[in-house]
C-alpha cells in the first residue's frame, strides 16, 4: 500500500514539474514576443 502511494506521489511530482516548466516557458515566450515588438 505504501508503494502505491509513493508511486502516486512520484507521478504527481513529475506532473507538477512539467506543468511548472510549461507555465514558465509560456511566460518567457510571451515576454520575448512583447519586448521584440517594441521599437528600439
PDB file of N, CA and C in Angstrom:
ATOM      1  N   UNK A   1       0.826  -1.197   0.000  1.00  0.00           N
ATOM      2  CA  UNK A   1       0.000   0.000   0.000  1.00  0.00           C
ATOM      3  C   UNK A   1       0.866   1.255   0.000  1.00  0.00           C
ATOM      4  N   UNK A   2       1.969   1.237   0.735  1.00  0.00           N
ATOM      5  CA  UNK A   2       2.828   2.418   0.729  1.00  0.00           C
ATOM      6  C   UNK A   2       3.538   2.568  -0.609  1.00  0.00           C
ATOM      7  N   UNK A   3       3.773   1.442  -1.314  1.00  0.00           N
ATOM      8  CA  UNK A   3       4.393   1.528  -2.638  1.00  0.00           C
ATOM      9  C   UNK A   3       3.486   2.259  -3.610  1.00  0.00           C
ATOM     10  N   UNK A   4       2.183   1.995  -3.502  1.00  0.00           N
ATOM     11  CA  UNK A   4       1.235   2.680  -4.380  1.00  0.00           C
ATOM     12  C   UNK A   4       1.215   4.179  -4.104  1.00  0.00           C
ATOM     13  N   UNK A   5       1.206   4.552  -2.843  1.00  0.00           N
ATOM     14  CA  UNK A   5       1.163   5.981  -2.516  1.00  0.00           C
ATOM     15  C   UNK A   5       2.460   6.661  -2.935  1.00  0.00           C
ATOM     16  N   UNK A   6       3.590   5.974  -2.803  1.00  0.00           N
ATOM     17  CA  UNK A   6       4.856   6.559  -3.261  1.00  0.00           C
ATOM     18  C   UNK A   6       4.850   6.740  -4.769  1.00  0.00           C
ATOM     19  N   UNK A   7       4.323   5.770  -5.492  1.00  0.00           N
ATOM     20  CA  UNK A   7       4.245   5.879  -6.954  1.00  0.00           C
ATOM     21  C   UNK A   7       3.333   7.025  -7.345  1.00  0.00           C
ATOM     22  N   UNK A   8       2.213   7.163  -6.665  1.00  0.00           N
ATOM     23  CA  UNK A   8       1.293   8.262  -6.961  1.00  0.00           C
ATOM     24  C   UNK A   8       1.960   9.608  -6.676  1.00  0.00           C
ATOM     25  N   UNK A   9       2.693   9.691  -5.582  1.00  0.00           N
ATOM     26  CA  UNK A   9       3.380  10.949  -5.255  1.00  0.00           C
ATOM     27  C   UNK A   9       4.451  11.268  -6.290  1.00  0.00           C
ATOM     28  N   UNK A  10       5.169  10.244  -6.754  1.00  0.00           N
ATOM     29  CA  UNK A  10       6.184  10.456  -7.790  1.00  0.00           C
ATOM     30  C   UNK A  10       5.539  10.954  -9.074  1.00  0.00           C
ATOM     31  N   UNK A  11       4.414  10.343  -9.451  1.00  0.00           N
ATOM     32  CA  UNK A  11       3.712  10.769 -10.658  1.00  0.00           C
ATOM     33  C   UNK A  11       3.193  12.191 -10.514  1.00  0.00           C
ATOM     34  N   UNK A  12       2.656  12.520  -9.346  1.00  0.00           N
ATOM     35  CA  UNK A  12       2.162  13.879  -9.099  1.00  0.00           C
ATOM     36  C   UNK A  12       3.304  14.884  -9.160  1.00  0.00           C
ATOM     37  N   UNK A  13       4.430  14.545  -8.583  1.00  0.00           N
ATOM     38  CA  UNK A  13       5.582  15.433  -8.598  1.00  0.00           C
ATOM     39  C   UNK A  13       6.079  15.665 -10.015  1.00  0.00           C
ATOM     40  N   UNK A  14       6.104  14.603 -10.808  1.00  0.00           N
ATOM     41  CA  UNK A  14       6.544  14.730 -12.194  1.00  0.00           C
ATOM     42  C   UNK A  14       5.578  15.606 -12.976  1.00  0.00           C
ATOM     43  N   UNK A  15       4.300  15.420 -12.787  1.00  0.00           N
ATOM     44  CA  UNK A  15       3.292  16.227 -13.479  1.00  0.00           C
ATOM     45  C   UNK A  15       3.382  17.691 -13.046  1.00  0.00           C
ATOM     46  N   UNK A  16       3.611  17.928 -11.766  1.00  0.00           N
ATOM     47  CA  UNK A  16       3.767  19.299 -11.271  1.00  0.00           C
ATOM     48  C   UNK A  16       4.998  19.967 -11.888  1.00  0.00           C
ATOM     49  N   UNK A  17       6.090  19.220 -11.997  1.00  0.00           N
ATOM     50  CA  UNK A  17       7.315  19.777 -12.572  1.00  0.00           C
ATOM     51  C   UNK A  17       7.112  20.129 -14.042  1.00  0.00           C
ATOM     52  N   UNK A  18       6.436  19.259 -14.775  1.00  0.00           N
ATOM     53  CA  UNK A  18       6.176  19.527 -16.194  1.00  0.00           C
ATOM     54  C   UNK A  18       5.259  20.729 -16.343  1.00  0.00           C
ATOM     55  N   UNK A  19       4.234  20.810 -15.525  1.00  0.00           N
ATOM     56  CA  UNK A  19       3.304  21.937 -15.599  1.00  0.00           C
ATOM     57  C   UNK A  19       4.004  23.244 -15.261  1.00  0.00           C
ATOM     58  N   UNK A  20       4.841  23.251 -14.234  1.00  0.00           N
ATOM     59  CA  UNK A  20       5.561  24.468 -13.858  1.00  0.00           C
ATOM     60  C   UNK A  20       6.507  24.897 -14.970  1.00  0.00           C
ATOM     61  N   UNK A  21       7.190  23.936 -15.590  1.00  0.00           N
ATOM     62  CA  UNK A  21       8.100  24.247 -16.691  1.00  0.00           C
ATOM     63  C   UNK A  21       7.339  24.842 -17.869  1.00  0.00           C
ATOM     64  N   UNK A  22       6.183  24.280 -18.176  1.00  0.00           N
ATOM     65  CA  UNK A  22       5.374  24.808 -19.276  1.00  0.00           C
ATOM     66  C   UNK A  22       4.891  26.225 -18.993  1.00  0.00           C
ATOM     67  N   UNK A  23       4.427  26.464 -17.790  1.00  0.00           N
ATOM     68  CA  UNK A  23       3.930  27.799 -17.441  1.00  0.00           C
ATOM     69  C   UNK A  23       5.055  28.831 -17.536  1.00  0.00           C
ATOM     70  N   UNK A  24       6.221  28.506 -17.003  1.00  0.00           N
ATOM     71  CA  UNK A  24       7.350  29.437 -17.059  1.00  0.00           C
ATOM     72  C   UNK A  24       7.777  29.671 -18.501  1.00  0.00           C
ATOM     73  N   UNK A  25       7.794  28.619 -19.312  1.00  0.00           N
ATOM     74  CA  UNK A  25       8.172  28.764 -20.723  1.00  0.00           C
ATOM     75  C   UNK A  25       7.201  29.658 -21.471  1.00  0.00           C
ATOM     76  N   UNK A  26       5.925  29.507 -21.219  1.00  0.00           N
ATOM     77  CA  UNK A  26       4.917  30.340 -21.885  1.00  0.00           C
ATOM     78  C   UNK A  26       5.076  31.798 -21.477  1.00  0.00           C
ATOM     79  N   UNK A  27       5.328  32.045 -20.195  1.00  0.00           N
ATOM     80  CA  UNK A  27       5.520  33.423 -19.723  1.00  0.00           C
ATOM     81  C   UNK A  27       6.757  34.039 -20.376  1.00  0.00           C
ATOM     82  N   UNK A  28       7.855  33.300 -20.414  1.00  0.00           N
ATOM     83  CA  UNK A  28       9.084  33.821 -21.021  1.00  0.00           C
ATOM     84  C   UNK A  28       8.875  34.082 -22.510  1.00  0.00           C
ATOM     85  N   UNK A  29       8.199  33.180 -23.204  1.00  0.00           N
ATOM     86  CA  UNK A  29       7.932  33.368 -24.631  1.00  0.00           C
ATOM     87  C   UNK A  29       7.046  34.595 -24.857  1.00  0.00           C
ATOM     88  N   UNK A  30       6.053  34.783 -24.010  1.00  0.00           N
ATOM     89  CA  UNK A  30       5.183  35.954 -24.114  1.00  0.00           C
ATOM     90  C   UNK A  30       5.949  37.240 -23.902  1.00  0.00           C
ATOM     91  N   UNK A  31       6.839  37.257 -22.901  1.00  0.00           N
ATOM     92  CA  UNK A  31       7.672  38.438 -22.676  1.00  0.00           C
ATOM     93  C   UNK A  31       8.592  38.693 -23.861  1.00  0.00           C
ATOM     94  N   UNK A  32       9.138  37.633 -24.435  1.00  0.00           N
ATOM     95  CA  UNK A  32      10.001  37.774 -25.612  1.00  0.00           C
ATOM     96  C   UNK A  32       9.233  38.408 -26.778  1.00  0.00           C
ATOM     97  N   UNK A  33       8.028  37.917 -27.025  1.00  0.00           N
ATOM     98  CA  UNK A  33       7.229  38.478 -28.115  1.00  0.00           C
ATOM     99  C   UNK A  33       6.873  39.942 -27.853  1.00  0.00           C
ATOM    100  N   UNK A  34       6.531  40.231 -26.612  1.00  0.00           N
ATOM    101  CA  UNK A  34       6.138  41.589 -26.247  1.00  0.00           C
ATOM    102  C   UNK A  34       7.321  42.552 -26.396  1.00  0.00           C
ATOM    103  N   UNK A  35       8.474  42.137 -25.881  1.00  0.00           N
ATOM    104  CA  UNK A  35       9.631  43.025 -25.940  1.00  0.00           C
ATOM    105  C   UNK A  35      10.219  43.125 -27.357  1.00  0.00           C
ATOM    106  N   UNK A  36      10.105  42.070 -28.152  1.00  0.00           N
ATOM    107  CA  UNK A  36      10.645  42.126 -29.502  1.00  0.00           C
ATOM    108  C   UNK A  36       9.792  43.028 -30.387  1.00  0.00           C
ATOM    109  N   UNK A  37       8.542  43.275 -30.018  1.00  0.00           N
ATOM    110  CA  UNK A  37       7.675  44.153 -30.793  1.00  0.00           C
ATOM    111  C   UNK A  37       7.848  45.614 -30.458  1.00  0.00           C
ATOM    112  N   UNK A  38       8.607  45.922 -29.409  1.00  0.00           N
ATOM    113  CA  UNK A  38       8.812  47.317 -29.029  1.00  0.00           C
ATOM    114  C   UNK A  38       9.835  47.973 -29.944  1.00  0.00           C
ATOM    115  N   UNK A  39       9.628  49.236 -30.266  1.00  0.00           N
ATOM    116  CA  UNK A  39      10.643  49.920 -31.076  1.00  0.00           C
ATOM    117  C   UNK A  39      11.928  50.123 -30.281  1.00  0.00           C
ATOM    118  N   UNK A  40      13.032  50.040 -30.974  1.00  0.00           N
ATOM    119  CA  UNK A  40      14.319  50.166 -30.270  1.00  0.00           C
ATOM    120  C   UNK A  40      14.873  51.581 -30.335  1.00  0.00           C
TER     121      UNK A  40
END
